[in-house]
Protein backbone atom coordinates (compact mmCIF):
# COMPACT_ATOMS: atom_id res chain seq x y z
CA MET A 1 0.00 0.00 0.00
CA THR A 2 1.51 3.34 -0.91
CA ALA A 3 0.98 6.48 1.06
CA ILE A 4 -0.62 9.51 -0.43
CA ALA A 5 1.11 12.70 0.71
CA GLY A 6 0.08 13.37 4.29
CA THR A 7 -1.79 10.09 4.95
CA PRO A 8 -0.06 7.47 7.06
CA THR A 9 -0.02 3.87 5.88
CA THR A 10 -1.39 1.21 8.17
CA TYR A 11 0.08 -2.22 8.41
CA GLN A 12 -2.28 -5.00 7.43
CA GLY A 13 -0.57 -8.17 8.51
CA ASN A 14 -1.60 -11.78 8.41
CA ASP A 15 -1.24 -14.60 10.91
CA LYS A 16 1.98 -16.12 9.52
CA LEU A 17 4.15 -14.51 12.20
CA LEU A 18 1.78 -15.55 14.96
CA TYR A 19 1.78 -19.16 13.71
CA GLY A 20 5.58 -19.10 13.53
CA ILE A 21 5.87 -17.83 17.10
CA ILE A 22 3.39 -20.43 18.36
CA LEU A 23 5.23 -23.24 16.56
CA GLY A 24 8.54 -21.96 17.92
CA VAL A 25 7.26 -21.97 21.50
CA ILE A 26 5.79 -25.44 21.04
CA THR A 27 9.12 -26.63 19.60
CA PHE A 28 10.99 -25.25 22.60
CA TRP A 29 8.46 -26.76 25.00
CA LEU A 30 8.80 -30.17 23.32
CA PHE A 31 12.60 -29.88 23.48
CA ALA A 32 12.46 -29.02 27.20
CA GLN A 33 10.00 -31.84 27.89
CA THR A 34 12.16 -34.31 25.98
CA THR A 35 15.19 -33.17 27.95
CA LEU A 36 13.29 -33.77 31.17
CA ASN A 37 12.29 -37.25 30.03
CA ILE A 38 15.74 -38.31 28.87
CA ALA A 39 17.67 -36.58 31.67
CA PRO A 40 18.73 -39.90 33.27
CA ALA A 41 20.15 -41.15 29.95
CA MET A 42 21.90 -37.82 29.29
CA GLN A 43 23.27 -37.87 32.81
CA LYS A 44 24.75 -41.32 32.27
CA ASP A 45 26.16 -40.53 28.82
CA LEU A 46 27.72 -37.22 29.86
CA GLY A 47 29.01 -38.48 33.19
CA LEU A 48 27.16 -35.89 35.29
CA ASP A 49 25.52 -36.25 38.67
CA ALA A 50 21.74 -36.03 39.05
CA SER A 51 21.81 -32.60 40.73
CA MET A 52 23.52 -31.03 37.71
CA MET A 53 20.92 -32.47 35.34
CA ASN A 54 18.14 -31.18 37.58
CA ILE A 55 19.73 -27.71 37.59
CA ALA A 56 20.04 -27.75 33.79
CA VAL A 57 16.39 -28.69 33.31
CA ALA A 58 15.22 -26.13 35.90
CA ILE A 59 17.32 -23.36 34.33
CA THR A 60 15.77 -24.14 30.96
CA ALA A 61 12.26 -23.57 32.28
CA LEU A 62 13.27 -20.54 34.35
CA PHE A 63 15.01 -18.72 31.52
CA SER A 64 12.21 -19.55 29.13
CA GLY A 65 9.68 -17.87 31.40
CA ILE A 66 11.93 -14.87 32.05
CA PHE A 67 12.82 -14.35 28.40
CA ILE A 68 9.23 -14.55 27.20
CA VAL A 69 8.40 -11.49 29.33
CA VAL A 70 11.62 -9.52 28.79
CA ILE A 71 12.02 -10.20 25.09
CA GLY A 72 8.36 -9.32 24.46
CA GLY A 73 9.08 -5.70 25.34
CA LEU A 74 12.27 -5.75 23.28
CA ALA A 75 10.37 -7.16 20.31
CA ASP A 76 8.01 -4.19 20.42
CA ARG A 77 10.99 -1.89 19.94
CA ILE A 78 13.23 -3.72 17.46
CA GLY A 79 10.68 -5.80 15.60
CA ARG A 80 8.95 -9.08 16.18
CA VAL A 81 10.29 -10.88 13.11
CA LYS A 82 13.89 -9.99 13.93
CA THR A 83 13.38 -11.05 17.55
CA VAL A 84 11.83 -14.38 16.58
CA GLN A 85 14.64 -15.08 14.12
CA ILE A 86 17.30 -14.30 16.75
CA GLY A 87 15.47 -16.57 19.20
CA PHE A 88 15.38 -19.42 16.70
CA TYR A 89 19.10 -19.00 15.94
CA LEU A 90 19.93 -19.08 19.65
CA SER A 91 17.76 -22.17 20.08
CA ILE A 92 19.59 -23.92 17.25
CA ILE A 93 22.98 -22.99 18.73
CA GLY A 94 21.87 -24.24 22.16
CA SER A 95 20.66 -27.53 20.70
CA LEU A 96 23.97 -27.97 18.88
CA LEU A 97 25.91 -27.30 22.09
CA ILE A 98 23.96 -30.06 23.81
CA ALA A 99 24.46 -32.39 20.85
CA ILE A 100 28.25 -31.91 20.84
CA ALA A 101 28.68 -31.80 24.63
CA PRO A 102 31.75 -33.79 25.61
CA THR A 103 31.75 -36.35 28.37
CA GLY A 104 33.15 -35.31 31.72
CA SER A 105 33.79 -31.96 33.35
CA MET A 106 33.27 -29.88 30.19
CA ALA A 107 29.77 -31.34 29.78
CA THR A 108 28.52 -29.12 32.60
CA GLY A 109 29.50 -25.94 30.80
CA PHE A 110 28.01 -27.03 27.49
CA LEU A 111 24.79 -28.09 29.15
CA LEU A 112 24.34 -24.93 31.20
CA VAL A 113 25.13 -22.56 28.32
């Protein structure tokens, strides 16, 4: 829509962004739930104690809740699409860090990041 001199243009969006955000949140929720369910197997494979796995799972839920509120305000200022894309990139990087986590003492750092 082009603006005629002096008349502001109004954005007429569709629901694609909303569906993308909903699917992204569901994807993260499924990832966190899967991590909770396979925590004993991850603990054994990575050589961690149970308390560290519990902390990692709890931090995942805590930061998710915090970031949903904080990043919502940021998205209003810098743009929702850009914010969602950055969130998806960070989620991919976090998943890769868990996938390549080494066994032993370095596993804690990879898991908590």
